[in-house]
Amino acid sequence: MSNLRITQDQDFTGFVLNISNRGTLVPERLDLEIDLGSYAVTETIEEPLLPEQNRNVALGIKLTEEQIRGLAKICIRAIPHNDVANETYENNNRVCTNIETGLTIMEIYPNPVVTQFTLPIILPENAVLSLSLEQSNGQNVEAYSYDLEAGYHEIQLERGNIKPGIYFLRIRYQGKETVKKIIFQ
């Protein structure tokens, strides 16, 4: 899934999503779990999606101005259903978009970290994101840089041979910094 776009008419805000089948299975049904923060809804697509096929889908959900107020982001996860086999590669089965402007940094998981951790973020526009992992005394342990497109990303980082303890992940985006605490077990 990609390119979740917001549409607007006089009374409602709607959403258009691009879905594609990058696998080899043909799902007989596709459930779209739409996370709207305080509640979620599910929409079902009954049309088969052939491998390498791609299509735009206008979601049935429409939100009023009052419903959209206070909503920071919308995330959608696709759950393919096939009677023959289950999907094994689901990395690209989720997409999010900001309703509010600005960078959205979600909670790192798992935290405490054993072998790897994931930083979920939503970028409002294409940009370079810089990360530095620091010890509690401020000494830099690792540095990373990502040239990312606008939208939802899950950045996965390996622990490697970093010793147990408390660390801080410094996130730099367009001249601003945010720091997240991480515990390595």
N, C-alpha and C. Protein backbone atom coordinates (compact mmCIF):
# COMPACT_ATOMS: atom_id res chain seq x y z
N MET A 1 0.85 -1.17 0.00
CA MET A 1 0.00 0.00 0.00
C MET A 1 0.89 1.23 0.00
N SER A 2 0.39 2.28 -0.64
CA SER A 2 1.15 3.51 -0.68
C SER A 2 0.22 4.67 -1.01
N ASN A 3 0.75 5.86 -0.88
CA ASN A 3 0.09 7.06 -1.35
C ASN A 3 -1.34 7.20 -0.83
N LEU A 4 -1.49 7.28 0.49
CA LEU A 4 -2.79 7.55 1.10
C LEU A 4 -3.04 9.05 0.97
N ARG A 5 -4.07 9.40 0.19
CA ARG A 5 -4.36 10.81 -0.08
C ARG A 5 -5.67 11.22 0.58
N ILE A 6 -5.72 12.47 0.98
CA ILE A 6 -6.92 13.04 1.60
C ILE A 6 -7.68 13.78 0.52
N THR A 7 -8.99 13.54 0.45
CA THR A 7 -9.85 14.26 -0.49
C THR A 7 -10.85 15.09 0.32
N GLN A 8 -11.31 16.17 -0.26
CA GLN A 8 -12.20 17.07 0.47
C GLN A 8 -13.33 17.50 -0.45
N ASP A 9 -14.57 17.39 0.06
CA ASP A 9 -15.68 18.03 -0.64
C ASP A 9 -16.30 19.02 0.33
N GLN A 10 -17.47 19.52 0.05
CA GLN A 10 -18.05 20.56 0.90
C GLN A 10 -18.29 20.10 2.33
N ASP A 11 -18.71 18.85 2.51
CA ASP A 11 -19.12 18.41 3.85
C ASP A 11 -18.22 17.36 4.48
N PHE A 12 -17.44 16.62 3.68
CA PHE A 12 -16.72 15.48 4.22
C PHE A 12 -15.27 15.42 3.76
N THR A 13 -14.46 14.76 4.58
CA THR A 13 -13.09 14.41 4.23
C THR A 13 -13.07 12.93 3.92
N GLY A 14 -12.52 12.57 2.77
CA GLY A 14 -12.43 11.18 2.37
C GLY A 14 -10.98 10.80 2.13
N PHE A 15 -10.77 9.54 1.77
CA PHE A 15 -9.41 9.04 1.61
C PHE A 15 -9.34 8.13 0.39
N VAL A 16 -8.23 8.25 -0.36
CA VAL A 16 -7.97 7.39 -1.51
C VAL A 16 -6.63 6.72 -1.25
N LEU A 17 -6.60 5.42 -1.47
CA LEU A 17 -5.43 4.60 -1.16
C LEU A 17 -5.00 3.84 -2.40
N ASN A 18 -3.70 3.77 -2.65
CA ASN A 18 -3.18 2.96 -3.74
C ASN A 18 -2.77 1.62 -3.17
N ILE A 19 -3.33 0.53 -3.71
CA ILE A 19 -2.95 -0.81 -3.27
C ILE A 19 -2.35 -1.57 -4.45
N SER A 20 -1.40 -2.43 -4.14
CA SER A 20 -0.79 -3.25 -5.18
C SER A 20 -0.43 -4.59 -4.57
N ASN A 21 -0.36 -5.61 -5.42
CA ASN A 21 0.01 -6.95 -4.99
C ASN A 21 1.43 -7.20 -5.45
N ARG A 22 2.36 -7.18 -4.51
CA ARG A 22 3.76 -7.41 -4.83
C ARG A 22 4.18 -8.84 -4.51
N GLY A 23 3.20 -9.66 -4.18
CA GLY A 23 3.47 -11.06 -3.88
C GLY A 23 3.07 -11.96 -5.03
N THR A 24 2.92 -13.23 -4.70
CA THR A 24 2.53 -14.21 -5.73
C THR A 24 1.13 -14.74 -5.48
N LEU A 25 0.58 -14.53 -4.30
CA LEU A 25 -0.76 -15.00 -3.98
C LEU A 25 -1.81 -14.02 -4.49
N VAL A 26 -2.97 -14.53 -4.80
CA VAL A 26 -4.10 -13.68 -5.19
C VAL A 26 -5.09 -13.68 -4.03
N PRO A 27 -5.15 -12.60 -3.26
CA PRO A 27 -6.10 -12.58 -2.15
C PRO A 27 -7.54 -12.55 -2.67
N GLU A 28 -8.36 -13.39 -2.07
CA GLU A 28 -9.78 -13.42 -2.45
C GLU A 28 -10.53 -12.25 -1.85
N ARG A 29 -10.00 -11.76 -0.73
CA ARG A 29 -10.60 -10.64 -0.02
C ARG A 29 -9.48 -9.87 0.67
N LEU A 30 -9.65 -8.58 0.80
CA LEU A 30 -8.68 -7.74 1.47
C LEU A 30 -9.41 -6.90 2.50
N ASP A 31 -9.08 -7.10 3.79
CA ASP A 31 -9.66 -6.27 4.84
C ASP A 31 -8.71 -5.11 5.12
N LEU A 32 -9.25 -3.92 5.16
CA LEU A 32 -8.48 -2.72 5.47
C LEU A 32 -8.87 -2.25 6.86
N GLU A 33 -7.96 -2.38 7.81
CA GLU A 33 -8.19 -1.88 9.17
C GLU A 33 -7.76 -0.42 9.20
N ILE A 34 -8.72 0.47 9.43
CA ILE A 34 -8.48 1.90 9.40
C ILE A 34 -8.44 2.41 10.83
N ASP A 35 -7.25 2.83 11.28
CA ASP A 35 -7.03 3.31 12.64
C ASP A 35 -7.16 4.83 12.66
N LEU A 36 -8.17 5.29 13.38
CA LEU A 36 -8.43 6.73 13.48
C LEU A 36 -8.14 7.26 14.87
N GLY A 37 -7.20 6.64 15.55
CA GLY A 37 -6.81 7.10 16.88
C GLY A 37 -7.70 6.51 17.96
N SER A 38 -8.80 7.16 18.26
CA SER A 38 -9.66 6.71 19.35
C SER A 38 -10.59 5.57 18.95
N TYR A 39 -10.68 5.28 17.67
CA TYR A 39 -11.48 4.15 17.21
C TYR A 39 -10.95 3.66 15.87
N ALA A 40 -11.39 2.48 15.48
CA ALA A 40 -10.95 1.89 14.21
C ALA A 40 -12.16 1.29 13.51
N VAL A 41 -12.10 1.24 12.19
CA VAL A 41 -13.13 0.60 11.39
C VAL A 41 -12.45 -0.31 10.38
N THR A 42 -13.20 -1.26 9.85
CA THR A 42 -12.67 -2.17 8.84
C THR A 42 -13.52 -2.08 7.59
N GLU A 43 -12.86 -1.94 6.46
CA GLU A 43 -13.54 -2.00 5.16
C GLU A 43 -13.01 -3.21 4.42
N THR A 44 -13.86 -3.83 3.63
CA THR A 44 -13.47 -5.04 2.90
C THR A 44 -13.53 -4.79 1.41
N ILE A 45 -12.49 -5.24 0.71
CA ILE A 45 -12.45 -5.20 -0.75
C ILE A 45 -12.61 -6.64 -1.22
N GLU A 46 -13.67 -6.91 -1.96
CA GLU A 46 -13.98 -8.27 -2.39
C GLU A 46 -13.36 -8.64 -3.74
N GLU A 47 -12.85 -7.66 -4.49
CA GLU A 47 -12.29 -7.93 -5.82
C GLU A 47 -10.89 -8.52 -5.68
N PRO A 48 -10.57 -9.57 -6.46
CA PRO A 48 -9.21 -10.13 -6.39
C PRO A 48 -8.18 -9.12 -6.90
N LEU A 49 -7.00 -9.22 -6.34
CA LEU A 49 -5.89 -8.35 -6.74
C LEU A 49 -4.77 -9.26 -7.22
N LEU A 50 -4.57 -9.29 -8.54
CA LEU A 50 -3.59 -10.18 -9.14
C LEU A 50 -2.17 -9.70 -8.85
N PRO A 51 -1.18 -10.62 -8.87
CA PRO A 51 0.21 -10.20 -8.67
C PRO A 51 0.61 -9.12 -9.67
N GLU A 52 1.34 -8.14 -9.17
CA GLU A 52 1.82 -6.98 -9.93
C GLU A 52 0.69 -6.03 -10.35
N GLN A 53 -0.53 -6.31 -9.93
CA GLN A 53 -1.65 -5.40 -10.22
C GLN A 53 -1.65 -4.27 -9.20
N ASN A 54 -2.16 -3.12 -9.62
CA ASN A 54 -2.11 -1.92 -8.82
C ASN A 54 -3.41 -1.15 -9.08
N ARG A 55 -4.03 -0.61 -8.01
CA ARG A 55 -5.25 0.18 -8.23
C ARG A 55 -5.47 1.17 -7.11
N ASN A 56 -6.17 2.25 -7.42
CA ASN A 56 -6.58 3.22 -6.42
C ASN A 56 -7.94 2.83 -5.89
N VAL A 57 -8.11 2.96 -4.58
CA VAL A 57 -9.36 2.61 -3.94
C VAL A 57 -9.83 3.80 -3.12
N ALA A 58 -11.04 4.27 -3.39
CA ALA A 58 -11.64 5.32 -2.58
C ALA A 58 -12.30 4.63 -1.39
N LEU A 59 -11.86 4.95 -0.19
CA LEU A 59 -12.43 4.32 1.00
C LEU A 59 -13.85 4.81 1.23
N GLY A 60 -14.67 3.95 1.77
CA GLY A 60 -16.06 4.30 2.04
C GLY A 60 -16.21 5.24 3.23
N ILE A 61 -15.20 5.27 4.11
CA ILE A 61 -15.29 6.11 5.29
C ILE A 61 -15.19 7.58 4.91
N LYS A 62 -16.08 8.38 5.43
CA LYS A 62 -16.09 9.83 5.22
C LYS A 62 -16.21 10.48 6.59
N LEU A 63 -15.38 11.47 6.86
CA LEU A 63 -15.37 12.12 8.15
C LEU A 63 -15.85 13.56 8.03
N THR A 64 -16.61 13.99 9.02
CA THR A 64 -17.06 15.38 9.06
C THR A 64 -15.93 16.23 9.63
N GLU A 65 -16.08 17.53 9.54
CA GLU A 65 -15.08 18.45 10.08
C GLU A 65 -14.90 18.21 11.58
N GLU A 66 -15.99 17.96 12.27
CA GLU A 66 -15.93 17.69 13.72
C GLU A 66 -15.17 16.40 14.01
N GLN A 67 -15.37 15.36 13.21
CA GLN A 67 -14.67 14.09 13.41
C GLN A 67 -13.18 14.21 13.10
N ILE A 68 -12.82 15.04 12.16
CA ILE A 68 -11.42 15.19 11.76
C ILE A 68 -10.64 16.06 12.75
N ARG A 69 -11.36 16.93 13.46
CA ARG A 69 -10.71 17.84 14.43
C ARG A 69 -10.06 17.01 15.53
N GLY A 70 -8.80 17.27 15.79
CA GLY A 70 -8.07 16.55 16.84
C GLY A 70 -7.46 15.24 16.38
N LEU A 71 -7.72 14.84 15.15
CA LEU A 71 -7.16 13.61 14.60
C LEU A 71 -5.79 13.92 14.01
N ALA A 72 -4.74 13.34 14.59
CA ALA A 72 -3.37 13.65 14.14
C ALA A 72 -2.99 12.87 12.90
N LYS A 73 -3.40 11.61 12.84
CA LYS A 73 -2.98 10.77 11.70
C LYS A 73 -4.04 9.70 11.46
N ILE A 74 -3.95 9.09 10.29
CA ILE A 74 -4.77 7.94 9.94
C ILE A 74 -3.81 6.87 9.44
N CYS A 75 -4.00 5.65 9.93
CA CYS A 75 -3.16 4.52 9.52
C CYS A 75 -4.08 3.40 9.02
N ILE A 76 -3.63 2.71 7.98
CA ILE A 76 -4.42 1.62 7.41
C ILE A 76 -3.51 0.41 7.26
N ARG A 77 -4.02 -0.73 7.71
CA ARG A 77 -3.30 -2.00 7.57
C ARG A 77 -4.15 -2.93 6.72
N ALA A 78 -3.53 -3.52 5.70
CA ALA A 78 -4.23 -4.46 4.82
C ALA A 78 -4.01 -5.88 5.33
N ILE A 79 -5.10 -6.64 5.38
CA ILE A 79 -5.03 -8.04 5.79
C ILE A 79 -5.59 -8.86 4.63
N PRO A 80 -4.69 -9.50 3.87
CA PRO A 80 -5.16 -10.31 2.73
C PRO A 80 -5.68 -11.66 3.22
N HIS A 81 -6.74 -12.14 2.56
CA HIS A 81 -7.31 -13.45 2.89
C HIS A 81 -7.29 -14.33 1.65
N ASN A 82 -6.74 -15.52 1.83
CA ASN A 82 -6.63 -16.49 0.75
C ASN A 82 -6.82 -17.86 1.38
N ASP A 83 -7.71 -18.68 0.84
CA ASP A 83 -7.98 -20.01 1.41
C ASP A 83 -6.81 -20.97 1.26
N VAL A 84 -5.91 -20.72 0.32
CA VAL A 84 -4.82 -21.65 0.03
C VAL A 84 -3.64 -21.44 0.98
N ALA A 85 -3.20 -20.20 1.16
CA ALA A 85 -2.02 -19.92 1.98
C ALA A 85 -2.14 -18.54 2.61
N ASN A 86 -1.35 -18.31 3.63
CA ASN A 86 -1.33 -17.01 4.29
C ASN A 86 -0.18 -16.16 3.78
N GLU A 87 -0.37 -14.86 3.80
CA GLU A 87 0.68 -13.92 3.42
C GLU A 87 1.82 -14.04 4.43
N THR A 88 3.04 -14.13 3.94
CA THR A 88 4.19 -14.23 4.85
C THR A 88 5.01 -12.95 4.87
N TYR A 89 4.90 -12.12 3.86
CA TYR A 89 5.66 -10.87 3.80
C TYR A 89 4.67 -9.72 3.91
N GLU A 90 4.61 -9.10 5.09
CA GLU A 90 3.62 -8.07 5.31
C GLU A 90 4.24 -6.71 5.61
N ASN A 91 5.53 -6.52 5.29
CA ASN A 91 6.20 -5.25 5.61
C ASN A 91 5.53 -4.04 4.97
N ASN A 92 5.01 -4.20 3.77
CA ASN A 92 4.42 -3.04 3.09
C ASN A 92 2.90 -3.07 3.14
N ASN A 93 2.33 -3.73 4.14
CA ASN A 93 0.88 -3.83 4.27
C ASN A 93 0.31 -2.75 5.18
N ARG A 94 1.07 -1.70 5.46
CA ARG A 94 0.59 -0.63 6.33
C ARG A 94 1.02 0.71 5.75
N VAL A 95 0.14 1.69 5.85
CA VAL A 95 0.43 3.04 5.39
C VAL A 95 -0.24 4.02 6.35
N CYS A 96 0.42 5.15 6.59
CA CYS A 96 -0.13 6.21 7.45
C CYS A 96 0.06 7.55 6.77
N THR A 97 -0.75 8.50 7.15
CA THR A 97 -0.56 9.87 6.69
C THR A 97 -0.95 10.83 7.81
N ASN A 98 -0.26 11.95 7.85
CA ASN A 98 -0.56 12.98 8.84
C ASN A 98 -1.81 13.75 8.44
N ILE A 99 -2.64 14.00 9.40
CA ILE A 99 -3.74 14.93 9.20
C ILE A 99 -3.22 16.32 9.62
N GLU A 100 -2.49 16.34 10.75
CA GLU A 100 -1.83 17.57 11.18
C GLU A 100 -0.53 17.70 10.41
N THR A 101 0.00 18.89 10.36
CA THR A 101 1.29 19.08 9.71
C THR A 101 2.41 18.82 10.70
N GLY A 102 3.58 18.54 10.20
CA GLY A 102 4.75 18.32 11.04
C GLY A 102 5.10 16.86 11.16
N LEU A 103 6.27 16.62 11.71
CA LEU A 103 6.79 15.28 11.92
C LEU A 103 6.06 14.62 13.08
N THR A 104 5.66 13.36 12.90
CA THR A 104 5.05 12.59 13.97
C THR A 104 5.98 11.43 14.29
N ILE A 105 6.44 11.37 15.53
CA ILE A 105 7.31 10.29 16.00
C ILE A 105 6.51 9.47 16.99
N MET A 106 6.32 8.19 16.66
CA MET A 106 5.58 7.31 17.55
C MET A 106 6.55 6.60 18.49
N GLU A 107 6.02 5.81 19.41
CA GLU A 107 6.85 5.14 20.40
C GLU A 107 7.71 4.05 19.77
N ILE A 108 8.95 3.99 20.20
CA ILE A 108 9.88 2.95 19.77
C ILE A 108 9.42 1.63 20.36
N TYR A 109 9.51 0.57 19.56
CA TYR A 109 9.16 -0.75 20.07
C TYR A 109 10.11 -1.79 19.51
N PRO A 110 10.36 -2.90 20.17
CA PRO A 110 10.08 -3.07 21.60
C PRO A 110 11.06 -2.23 22.42
N ASN A 111 10.66 -1.83 23.56
CA ASN A 111 11.51 -1.06 24.45
C ASN A 111 11.16 -1.47 25.87
N PRO A 112 11.98 -2.26 26.52
CA PRO A 112 13.39 -2.54 26.34
C PRO A 112 13.70 -3.37 25.09
N VAL A 113 14.93 -3.17 24.57
CA VAL A 113 15.40 -3.79 23.34
C VAL A 113 16.26 -5.00 23.67
N VAL A 114 16.03 -6.10 22.92
CA VAL A 114 16.88 -7.28 23.05
C VAL A 114 17.85 -7.34 21.87
N THR A 115 17.32 -7.42 20.62
CA THR A 115 18.19 -7.54 19.44
C THR A 115 18.01 -6.41 18.43
N GLN A 116 16.79 -5.92 18.25
CA GLN A 116 16.54 -4.82 17.32
C GLN A 116 15.35 -4.03 17.82
N PHE A 117 15.20 -2.80 17.29
CA PHE A 117 14.04 -1.98 17.64
C PHE A 117 13.56 -1.24 16.41
N THR A 118 12.32 -0.76 16.48
CA THR A 118 11.69 -0.07 15.35
C THR A 118 11.26 1.32 15.79
N LEU A 119 11.56 2.30 14.94
CA LEU A 119 11.14 3.68 15.15
C LEU A 119 10.08 4.00 14.10
N PRO A 120 8.78 4.05 14.48
CA PRO A 120 7.74 4.43 13.51
C PRO A 120 7.61 5.96 13.45
N ILE A 121 7.62 6.50 12.24
CA ILE A 121 7.51 7.95 12.06
C ILE A 121 6.64 8.26 10.85
N ILE A 122 6.11 9.47 10.83
CA ILE A 122 5.40 9.98 9.66
C ILE A 122 6.03 11.31 9.28
N LEU A 123 6.54 11.38 8.04
CA LEU A 123 7.14 12.62 7.54
C LEU A 123 6.11 13.37 6.70
N PRO A 124 5.95 14.67 6.92
CA PRO A 124 4.99 15.43 6.13
C PRO A 124 5.49 15.73 4.71
N GLU A 125 6.81 15.60 4.50
CA GLU A 125 7.37 15.86 3.17
C GLU A 125 8.69 15.11 3.04
N ASN A 126 9.19 14.98 1.82
CA ASN A 126 10.48 14.33 1.58
C ASN A 126 11.56 15.08 2.34
N ALA A 127 12.45 14.32 3.02
CA ALA A 127 13.49 14.97 3.81
C ALA A 127 14.55 13.97 4.23
N VAL A 128 15.67 14.52 4.72
CA VAL A 128 16.72 13.70 5.31
C VAL A 128 16.47 13.65 6.81
N LEU A 129 16.45 12.44 7.34
CA LEU A 129 16.26 12.22 8.77
C LEU A 129 17.56 11.68 9.32
N SER A 130 18.10 12.33 10.34
CA SER A 130 19.35 11.90 10.96
C SER A 130 19.06 11.36 12.36
N LEU A 131 19.65 10.23 12.67
CA LEU A 131 19.49 9.62 13.98
C LEU A 131 20.87 9.42 14.59
N SER A 132 20.98 9.64 15.89
CA SER A 132 22.22 9.28 16.58
C SER A 132 21.84 8.61 17.90
N LEU A 133 22.48 7.49 18.15
CA LEU A 133 22.27 6.74 19.37
C LEU A 133 23.37 7.16 20.33
N GLU A 134 22.98 7.63 21.52
CA GLU A 134 23.95 8.19 22.46
C GLU A 134 23.83 7.50 23.81
N GLN A 135 24.96 7.39 24.48
CA GLN A 135 24.97 6.90 25.86
C GLN A 135 24.40 7.99 26.75
N SER A 136 24.09 7.63 28.00
CA SER A 136 23.50 8.61 28.91
C SER A 136 24.45 9.78 29.21
N ASN A 137 25.77 9.61 28.98
CA ASN A 137 26.72 10.70 29.18
C ASN A 137 26.85 11.59 27.94
N GLY A 138 26.10 11.30 26.87
CA GLY A 138 26.11 12.10 25.65
C GLY A 138 27.07 11.61 24.58
N GLN A 139 27.85 10.57 24.89
CA GLN A 139 28.80 10.05 23.91
C GLN A 139 28.05 9.32 22.80
N ASN A 140 28.41 9.65 21.56
CA ASN A 140 27.76 9.06 20.39
C ASN A 140 28.19 7.60 20.22
N VAL A 141 27.22 6.68 20.04
CA VAL A 141 27.50 5.27 19.85
C VAL A 141 27.37 4.89 18.37
N GLU A 142 26.30 5.33 17.74
CA GLU A 142 26.02 5.05 16.32
C GLU A 142 25.35 6.28 15.71
N ALA A 143 25.53 6.46 14.40
CA ALA A 143 24.85 7.54 13.68
C ALA A 143 24.27 6.96 12.40
N TYR A 144 23.08 7.44 12.03
CA TYR A 144 22.37 6.95 10.85
C TYR A 144 21.79 8.15 10.11
N SER A 145 21.65 8.02 8.80
CA SER A 145 21.02 9.06 7.99
C SER A 145 20.14 8.39 6.95
N TYR A 146 18.93 8.90 6.78
CA TYR A 146 17.97 8.33 5.84
C TYR A 146 17.38 9.43 4.98
N ASP A 147 17.40 9.23 3.68
CA ASP A 147 16.75 10.14 2.74
C ASP A 147 15.37 9.53 2.46
N LEU A 148 14.32 10.07 3.06
CA LEU A 148 13.00 9.44 3.05
C LEU A 148 11.98 10.28 2.30
N GLU A 149 11.01 9.59 1.73
CA GLU A 149 9.87 10.24 1.10
C GLU A 149 8.82 10.55 2.15
N ALA A 150 7.93 11.46 1.85
CA ALA A 150 6.83 11.79 2.76
C ALA A 150 6.00 10.54 3.01
N GLY A 151 5.49 10.41 4.23
CA GLY A 151 4.62 9.30 4.56
C GLY A 151 5.10 8.52 5.76
N TYR A 152 4.54 7.35 5.93
CA TYR A 152 4.81 6.49 7.08
C TYR A 152 6.03 5.62 6.83
N HIS A 153 6.90 5.52 7.84
CA HIS A 153 8.09 4.68 7.77
C HIS A 153 8.29 3.96 9.09
N GLU A 154 8.78 2.74 9.02
CA GLU A 154 9.22 2.01 10.20
C GLU A 154 10.70 1.74 10.02
N ILE A 155 11.52 2.50 10.74
CA ILE A 155 12.97 2.36 10.65
C ILE A 155 13.41 1.31 11.65
N GLN A 156 13.98 0.22 11.15
CA GLN A 156 14.43 -0.87 12.02
C GLN A 156 15.93 -0.79 12.19
N LEU A 157 16.37 -0.82 13.44
CA LEU A 157 17.79 -0.73 13.75
C LEU A 157 18.21 -1.93 14.58
N GLU A 158 19.36 -2.48 14.23
CA GLU A 158 19.92 -3.63 14.95
C GLU A 158 20.72 -3.13 16.15
N ARG A 159 20.65 -3.87 17.23
CA ARG A 159 21.40 -3.53 18.44
C ARG A 159 22.89 -3.77 18.24
N GLY A 160 23.21 -4.83 17.51
CA GLY A 160 24.63 -5.16 17.33
C GLY A 160 25.25 -5.57 18.65
N ASN A 161 26.43 -5.05 18.94
CA ASN A 161 27.12 -5.43 20.18
C ASN A 161 27.08 -4.30 21.21
N ILE A 162 26.03 -3.51 21.19
CA ILE A 162 25.89 -2.43 22.17
C ILE A 162 25.57 -3.04 23.53
N LYS A 163 26.29 -2.58 24.55
CA LYS A 163 26.16 -3.12 25.91
C LYS A 163 24.80 -2.74 26.52
N PRO A 164 24.32 -3.55 27.47
CA PRO A 164 23.08 -3.20 28.17
C PRO A 164 23.18 -1.85 28.86
N GLY A 165 22.07 -1.16 28.95
CA GLY A 165 22.05 0.13 29.63
C GLY A 165 20.99 1.05 29.07
N ILE A 166 21.01 2.29 29.51
CA ILE A 166 20.07 3.31 29.06
C ILE A 166 20.75 4.16 28.00
N TYR A 167 20.08 4.33 26.87
CA TYR A 167 20.60 5.12 25.75
C TYR A 167 19.53 6.10 25.31
N PHE A 168 19.94 7.03 24.45
CA PHE A 168 19.01 8.01 23.92
C PHE A 168 19.16 8.07 22.41
N LEU A 169 18.03 8.06 21.71
CA LEU A 169 18.02 8.18 20.26
C LEU A 169 17.66 9.62 19.93
N ARG A 170 18.61 10.36 19.35
CA ARG A 170 18.40 11.75 18.97
C ARG A 170 17.95 11.77 17.51
N ILE A 171 16.78 12.35 17.26
CA ILE A 171 16.17 12.38 15.93
C ILE A 171 16.22 13.83 15.44
N ARG A 172 16.90 14.04 14.30
CA ARG A 172 17.03 15.39 13.74
C ARG A 172 16.26 15.45 12.42
N TYR A 173 15.40 16.47 12.34
CA TYR A 173 14.57 16.65 11.15
C TYR A 173 14.39 18.14 10.91
N GLN A 174 14.88 18.63 9.79
CA GLN A 174 14.74 20.02 9.37
C GLN A 174 15.10 21.02 10.48
N GLY A 175 16.26 20.81 11.09
CA GLY A 175 16.77 21.73 12.10
C GLY A 175 16.19 21.55 13.49
N LYS A 176 15.28 20.62 13.70
CA LYS A 176 14.69 20.38 15.02
C LYS A 176 15.14 19.02 15.53
N GLU A 177 15.18 18.86 16.85
CA GLU A 177 15.61 17.61 17.46
C GLU A 177 14.56 17.10 18.44
N THR A 178 14.43 15.78 18.47
CA THR A 178 13.61 15.09 19.46
C THR A 178 14.45 13.96 20.01
N VAL A 179 14.33 13.67 21.29
CA VAL A 179 15.10 12.61 21.91
C VAL A 179 14.16 11.58 22.51
N LYS A 180 14.45 10.30 22.25
CA LYS A 180 13.68 9.18 22.80
C LYS A 180 14.61 8.30 23.63
N LYS A 181 14.15 7.88 24.79
CA LYS A 181 14.91 7.02 25.68
C LYS A 181 14.73 5.56 25.26
N ILE A 182 15.86 4.82 25.26
CA ILE A 182 15.85 3.39 24.90
C ILE A 182 16.61 2.62 25.95
N ILE A 183 16.08 1.47 26.36
CA ILE A 183 16.76 0.60 27.31
C ILE A 183 17.18 -0.65 26.57
N PHE A 184 18.47 -0.96 26.62
CA PHE A 184 19.01 -2.19 26.05
C PHE A 184 19.18 -3.19 27.17
N GLN A 185 18.59 -4.38 27.02
CA GLN A 185 18.72 -5.42 28.05
C GLN A 185 19.95 -6.23 27.84
